[in-house]
Amino acid sequence: MIERKYRTFWRRFFAEFVDGLVFLPVSLATGWVWRHAAAVPLSLLALHYLVSRLLFFIYEIYFLGTHGQTPGKKALGVVVLDVSERRHVSYRQALLRNAVPLGFTLLLLPYQLFQILTGRFYLLHPGSKPDMVSWLLGQVIMVWFLLEIVTMTFNSKRRALHDFIAGSVVVKASARPQGDAP
């Protein structure tokens, strides 16, 4: 039987949705930029792409390292704690929680920035599909996401792979130990 404080799957799921809403203006701006890409210098498109690809990682790492929860997690009543469950995660642990998708992003960024700067990037050509390298990375990230869900489903504290990597656990905020600073 799973302890109540670890039953956080749906809260975590909807917290990601809320954090996505926080980023809605960025998503809308990004859509606008790519729809008008023909009128934007390639160097500015590359800069925009770089910033927009890294912004969510910065957001997540900052809020987890500072408060143990993103605004979405706070709204849904969950907090990310060190596996000891005595304090919220450190910046290092917040970075480790994001290490795999961030690593894939950083690995692919030089290639995609080169594609943008040379005018070959698929988003520059409406209706075109991602090139093989970008498509393959998308598939790898999808497999990672599925492994995260499977891992979270089959352990008693509902820890996903990124929680094992970072030495963290997600609990209901009401289960936070007394005296734990946000």
C-alpha atoms as a PDB file:
ATOM      1  CA  MET A   1       0.000   0.000   0.000  1.00  0.00           C
ATOM      2  CA  ILE A   2       1.326   3.425  -0.968  1.00  0.00           C
ATOM      3  CA  GLU A   3       1.440   5.994   1.823  1.00  0.00           C
ATOM      4  CA  ARG A   4      -0.925   8.919   1.189  1.00  0.00           C
ATOM      5  CA  LYS A   5       1.853  11.511   1.156  1.00  0.00           C
ATOM      6  CA  TYR A   6       3.429   9.818  -1.895  1.00  0.00           C
ATOM      7  CA  ARG A   7       0.214   9.632  -3.919  1.00  0.00           C
ATOM      8  CA  THR A   8       1.119  12.591  -6.090  1.00  0.00           C
ATOM      9  CA  PHE A   9       0.905  11.367  -9.706  1.00  0.00           C
ATOM     10  CA  TRP A  10      -2.122  13.416 -10.749  1.00  0.00           C
ATOM     11  CA  ARG A  11      -1.010  16.443  -8.763  1.00  0.00           C
ATOM     12  CA  ARG A  12       2.372  16.297 -10.490  1.00  0.00           C
ATOM     13  CA  PHE A  13       0.694  15.845 -13.855  1.00  0.00           C
ATOM     14  CA  PHE A  14      -1.548  18.892 -13.434  1.00  0.00           C
ATOM     15  CA  ALA A  15       1.311  20.897 -11.880  1.00  0.00           C
ATOM     16  CA  GLU A  16       3.131  20.491 -15.206  1.00  0.00           C
ATOM     17  CA  PHE A  17      -0.007  21.774 -16.919  1.00  0.00           C
ATOM     18  CA  VAL A  18      -0.105  24.837 -14.623  1.00  0.00           C
ATOM     19  CA  ASP A  19       3.598  25.493 -15.237  1.00  0.00           C
ATOM     20  CA  GLY A  20       2.810  25.219 -18.934  1.00  0.00           C
ATOM     21  CA  LEU A  21       0.200  27.948 -18.491  1.00  0.00           C
ATOM     22  CA  VAL A  22       2.865  30.146 -16.889  1.00  0.00           C
ATOM     23  CA  PHE A  23       4.823  29.656 -20.115  1.00  0.00           C
ATOM     24  CA  LEU A  24       1.847  30.294 -22.387  1.00  0.00           C
ATOM     25  CA  PRO A  25       3.075  33.810 -23.307  1.00  0.00           C
ATOM     26  CA  VAL A  26       6.474  32.360 -24.254  1.00  0.00           C
ATOM     27  CA  SER A  27       4.805  29.631 -26.321  1.00  0.00           C
ATOM     28  CA  LEU A  28       2.579  32.144 -28.093  1.00  0.00           C
ATOM     29  CA  ALA A  29       5.533  34.433 -28.789  1.00  0.00           C
ATOM     30  CA  THR A  30       7.547  31.495 -30.112  1.00  0.00           C
ATOM     31  CA  GLY A  31       4.704  30.498 -32.418  1.00  0.00           C
ATOM     32  CA  TRP A  32       4.485  34.069 -33.687  1.00  0.00           C
ATOM     33  CA  VAL A  33       8.251  34.243 -34.270  1.00  0.00           C
ATOM     34  CA  TRP A  34       8.280  31.036 -36.337  1.00  0.00           C
ATOM     35  CA  ARG A  35       5.199  32.089 -38.331  1.00  0.00           C
ATOM     36  CA  HIS A  36       7.042  35.304 -39.238  1.00  0.00           C
ATOM     37  CA  ALA A  37      10.509  33.732 -39.531  1.00  0.00           C
ATOM     38  CA  ALA A  38      10.991  34.935 -43.100  1.00  0.00           C
ATOM     39  CA  ALA A  39      11.087  38.521 -41.815  1.00  0.00           C
ATOM     40  CA  VAL A  40      13.434  37.839 -38.885  1.00  0.00           C
ATOM     41  CA  PRO A  41      17.238  37.668 -39.269  1.00  0.00           C
ATOM     42  CA  LEU A  42      18.546  34.130 -38.829  1.00  0.00           C
ATOM     43  CA  SER A  43      20.839  35.230 -35.984  1.00  0.00           C
ATOM     44  CA  LEU A  44      17.826  36.534 -33.999  1.00  0.00           C
ATOM     45  CA  LEU A  45      15.914  33.330 -34.714  1.00  0.00           C
ATOM     46  CA  ALA A  46      18.864  31.340 -33.388  1.00  0.00           C
ATOM     47  CA  LEU A  47      19.050  33.493 -30.265  1.00  0.00           C
ATOM     48  CA  HIS A  48      15.296  33.182 -29.711  1.00  0.00           C
ATOM     49  CA  TYR A  49      15.501  29.412 -30.172  1.00  0.00           C
ATOM     50  CA  LEU A  50      18.386  29.121 -27.698  1.00  0.00           C
ATOM     51  CA  VAL A  51      16.605  31.172 -25.026  1.00  0.00           C
ATOM     52  CA  SER A  52      13.217  29.512 -25.520  1.00  0.00           C
ATOM     53  CA  ARG A  53      14.748  25.998 -25.349  1.00  0.00           C
ATOM     54  CA  LEU A  54      16.555  26.735 -22.070  1.00  0.00           C
ATOM     55  CA  LEU A  55      14.007  28.960 -20.315  1.00  0.00           C
ATOM     56  CA  PHE A  56      11.860  26.182 -18.820  1.00  0.00           C
ATOM     57  CA  PHE A  57      14.936  24.410 -17.440  1.00  0.00           C
ATOM     58  CA  ILE A  58      16.057  27.661 -15.804  1.00  0.00           C
ATOM     59  CA  TYR A  59      12.547  28.192 -14.385  1.00  0.00           C
ATOM     60  CA  GLU A  60      12.310  24.681 -12.985  1.00  0.00           C
ATOM     61  CA  ILE A  61      15.819  24.584 -11.519  1.00  0.00           C
ATOM     62  CA  TYR A  62      15.442  28.048  -9.974  1.00  0.00           C
ATOM     63  CA  PHE A  63      12.089  27.363  -8.295  1.00  0.00           C
ATOM     64  CA  LEU A  64      12.990  23.860  -7.102  1.00  0.00           C
ATOM     65  CA  GLY A  65      16.358  25.007  -5.770  1.00  0.00           C
ATOM     66  CA  THR A  66      14.854  28.044  -4.059  1.00  0.00           C
ATOM     67  CA  HIS A  67      11.433  26.839  -2.890  1.00  0.00           C
ATOM     68  CA  GLY A  68      11.315  23.082  -3.460  1.00  0.00           C
ATOM     69  CA  GLN A  69       8.401  23.576  -5.819  1.00  0.00           C
ATOM     70  CA  THR A  70       7.502  25.380  -9.005  1.00  0.00           C
ATOM     71  CA  PRO A  71       4.417  27.628  -9.007  1.00  0.00           C
ATOM     72  CA  GLY A  72       2.521  24.713 -10.571  1.00  0.00           C
ATOM     73  CA  LYS A  73       3.596  22.300  -7.845  1.00  0.00           C
ATOM     74  CA  LYS A  74       2.711  24.896  -5.214  1.00  0.00           C
ATOM     75  CA  ALA A  75      -0.744  25.389  -6.741  1.00  0.00           C
ATOM     76  CA  LEU A  76      -1.323  21.628  -6.728  1.00  0.00           C
ATOM     77  CA  GLY A  77       0.041  21.102  -3.227  1.00  0.00           C
ATOM     78  CA  VAL A  78       3.189  19.062  -3.827  1.00  0.00           C
ATOM     79  CA  VAL A  79       6.770  19.728  -2.819  1.00  0.00           C
ATOM     80  CA  VAL A  80      10.082  18.180  -3.900  1.00  0.00           C
ATOM     81  CA  LEU A  81      12.189  17.115  -0.934  1.00  0.00           C
ATOM     82  CA  ASP A  82      15.597  15.597  -0.511  1.00  0.00           C
ATOM     83  CA  VAL A  83      15.211  11.814  -0.140  1.00  0.00           C
ATOM     84  CA  SER A  84      15.773  12.300   3.613  1.00  0.00           C
ATOM     85  CA  GLU A  85      12.448  14.195   3.555  1.00  0.00           C
ATOM     86  CA  ARG A  86      13.888  16.768   5.983  1.00  0.00           C
ATOM     87  CA  ARG A  87      14.540  19.630   3.552  1.00  0.00           C
ATOM     88  CA  HIS A  88      13.666  20.724   0.060  1.00  0.00           C
ATOM     89  CA  VAL A  89      16.072  19.910  -2.741  1.00  0.00           C
ATOM     90  CA  SER A  90      19.235  21.908  -3.359  1.00  0.00           C
ATOM     91  CA  TYR A  91      20.087  23.627  -6.637  1.00  0.00           C
ATOM     92  CA  ARG A  92      22.364  20.696  -7.422  1.00  0.00           C
ATOM     93  CA  GLN A  93      19.518  18.235  -6.940  1.00  0.00           C
ATOM     94  CA  ALA A  94      17.190  20.460  -8.987  1.00  0.00           C
ATOM     95  CA  LEU A  95      19.759  20.409 -11.780  1.00  0.00           C
ATOM     96  CA  LEU A  96      20.144  16.629 -11.502  1.00  0.00           C
ATOM     97  CA  ARG A  97      16.349  16.189 -11.726  1.00  0.00           C
ATOM     98  CA  ASN A  98      16.539  17.904 -15.128  1.00  0.00           C
ATOM     99  CA  ALA A  99      19.890  16.451 -16.217  1.00  0.00           C
ATOM    100  CA  VAL A 100      18.692  13.947 -18.817  1.00  0.00           C
ATOM    101  CA  PRO A 101      16.312  16.164 -20.850  1.00  0.00           C
ATOM    102  CA  LEU A 102      18.645  19.140 -20.397  1.00  0.00           C
ATOM    103  CA  GLY A 103      21.578  17.011 -21.541  1.00  0.00           C
ATOM    104  CA  PHE A 104      19.717  15.914 -24.676  1.00  0.00           C
ATOM    105  CA  THR A 105      18.728  19.524 -25.344  1.00  0.00           C
ATOM    106  CA  LEU A 106      22.299  20.776 -24.915  1.00  0.00           C
ATOM    107  CA  LEU A 107      23.600  17.959 -27.092  1.00  0.00           C
ATOM    108  CA  LEU A 108      21.251  18.857 -29.922  1.00  0.00           C
ATOM    109  CA  LEU A 109      21.383  22.662 -29.598  1.00  0.00           C
ATOM    110  CA  PRO A 110      24.601  23.270 -31.569  1.00  0.00           C
ATOM    111  CA  TYR A 111      23.251  21.189 -34.446  1.00  0.00           C
ATOM    112  CA  GLN A 112      19.870  22.942 -34.432  1.00  0.00           C
ATOM    113  CA  LEU A 113      21.437  26.403 -34.126  1.00  0.00           C
ATOM    114  CA  PHE A 114      23.636  25.567 -37.122  1.00  0.00           C
ATOM    115  CA  GLN A 115      20.517  24.445 -39.004  1.00  0.00           C
ATOM    116  CA  ILE A 116      18.824  27.767 -38.191  1.00  0.00           C
ATOM    117  CA  LEU A 117      21.834  29.897 -39.110  1.00  0.00           C
ATOM    118  CA  THR A 118      22.201  28.118 -42.462  1.00  0.00           C
ATOM    119  CA  GLY A 119      18.475  28.368 -43.234  1.00  0.00           C
ATOM    120  CA  ARG A 120      17.895  24.590 -43.173  1.00  0.00           C
ATOM    121  CA  PHE A 121      15.935  24.293 -39.918  1.00  0.00           C
ATOM    122  CA  TYR A 122      12.563  22.639 -40.494  1.00  0.00           C
ATOM    123  CA  LEU A 123      10.608  25.373 -38.693  1.00  0.00           C
ATOM    124  CA  LEU A 124      11.861  27.859 -41.280  1.00  0.00           C
ATOM    125  CA  HIS A 125       9.941  25.961 -43.937  1.00  0.00           C
ATOM    126  CA  PRO A 126       6.202  25.733 -43.149  1.00  0.00           C
ATOM    127  CA  GLY A 127       4.842  22.257 -43.684  1.00  0.00           C
ATOM    128  CA  SER A 128       8.215  20.528 -43.543  1.00  0.00           C
ATOM    129  CA  LYS A 129       8.991  17.784 -41.058  1.00  0.00           C
ATOM    130  CA  PRO A 130      11.879  17.651 -38.574  1.00  0.00           C
ATOM    131  CA  ASP A 131      15.139  16.292 -39.954  1.00  0.00           C
ATOM    132  CA  MET A 132      16.221  12.807 -38.870  1.00  0.00           C
ATOM    133  CA  VAL A 133      18.473  14.015 -36.028  1.00  0.00           C
ATOM    134  CA  SER A 134      15.770  16.233 -34.478  1.00  0.00           C
ATOM    135  CA  TRP A 135      13.122  13.527 -34.968  1.00  0.00           C
ATOM    136  CA  LEU A 136      15.329  10.897 -33.365  1.00  0.00           C
ATOM    137  CA  LEU A 137      15.954  13.079 -30.327  1.00  0.00           C
ATOM    138  CA  GLY A 138      12.209  13.580 -29.996  1.00  0.00           C
ATOM    139  CA  GLN A 139      11.779   9.806 -29.924  1.00  0.00           C
ATOM    140  CA  VAL A 140      14.520   9.389 -27.298  1.00  0.00           C
ATOM    141  CA  ILE A 141      12.852  12.024 -25.103  1.00  0.00           C
ATOM    142  CA  MET A 142       9.499  10.228 -25.504  1.00  0.00           C
ATOM    143  CA  VAL A 143      11.076   6.945 -24.365  1.00  0.00           C
ATOM    144  CA  TRP A 144      12.618   8.791 -21.388  1.00  0.00           C
ATOM    145  CA  PHE A 145       9.185  10.194 -20.488  1.00  0.00           C
ATOM    146  CA  LEU A 146       7.592   6.734 -20.639  1.00  0.00           C
ATOM    147  CA  LEU A 147      10.371   5.254 -18.492  1.00  0.00           C
ATOM    148  CA  GLU A 148       9.750   8.051 -15.971  1.00  0.00           C
ATOM    149  CA  ILE A 149       6.067   7.086 -15.728  1.00  0.00           C
ATOM    150  CA  VAL A 150       6.797   3.360 -15.462  1.00  0.00           C
ATOM    151  CA  THR A 151       9.403   3.962 -12.754  1.00  0.00           C
ATOM    152  CA  MET A 152       7.062   6.256 -10.821  1.00  0.00           C
ATOM    153  CA  THR A 153       4.261   3.719 -11.021  1.00  0.00           C
ATOM    154  CA  PHE A 154       6.188   0.757  -9.641  1.00  0.00           C
ATOM    155  CA  ASN A 155       7.914   1.967  -6.489  1.00  0.00           C
ATOM    156  CA  SER A 156       6.522   2.659  -3.047  1.00  0.00           C
ATOM    157  CA  LYS A 157       7.470   6.347  -2.851  1.00  0.00           C
ATOM    158  CA  ARG A 158       6.394   7.087  -6.443  1.00  0.00           C
ATOM    159  CA  ARG A 159       9.883   8.269  -7.350  1.00  0.00           C
ATOM    160  CA  ALA A 160      10.537   8.772 -11.059  1.00  0.00           C
ATOM    161  CA  LEU A 161      13.939   8.153 -12.649  1.00  0.00           C
ATOM    162  CA  HIS A 162      14.862  11.817 -12.205  1.00  0.00           C
ATOM    163  CA  ASP A 163      14.086  11.489  -8.474  1.00  0.00           C
ATOM    164  CA  PHE A 164      16.490   8.550  -8.203  1.00  0.00           C
ATOM    165  CA  ILE A 165      19.172  10.492 -10.092  1.00  0.00           C
ATOM    166  CA  ALA A 166      18.744  13.557  -7.854  1.00  0.00           C
ATOM    167  CA  GLY A 167      18.088  11.825  -4.548  1.00  0.00           C
ATOM    168  CA  SER A 168      14.664  13.451  -4.271  1.00  0.00           C
ATOM    169  CA  VAL A 169      11.077  12.523  -3.538  1.00  0.00           C
ATOM    170  CA  VAL A 170       7.811  14.349  -4.208  1.00  0.00           C
ATOM    171  CA  VAL A 171       5.250  14.485  -1.411  1.00  0.00           C
ATOM    172  CA  LYS A 172       2.027  16.274  -0.698  1.00  0.00           C
ATOM    173  CA  ALA A 173       2.847  19.696   0.725  1.00  0.00           C
ATOM    174  CA  SER A 174       0.845  18.897   3.858  1.00  0.00           C
ATOM    175  CA  ALA A 175       3.358  16.088   4.529  1.00  0.00           C
ATOM    176  CA  ARG A 176       6.304  18.517   4.633  1.00  0.00           C
ATOM    177  CA  PRO A 177       8.157  18.218   7.954  1.00  0.00           C
ATOM    178  CA  GLN A 178       7.493  21.046  10.402  1.00  0.00           C
ATOM    179  CA  GLY A 179      10.124  23.744  10.315  1.00  0.00           C
ATOM    180  CA  ASP A 180      11.040  23.047   6.679  1.00  0.00           C
ATOM    181  CA  ALA A 181      11.766  26.371   5.041  1.00  0.00           C
ATOM    182  CA  PRO A 182      10.142  26.838   1.659  1.00  0.00           C
END
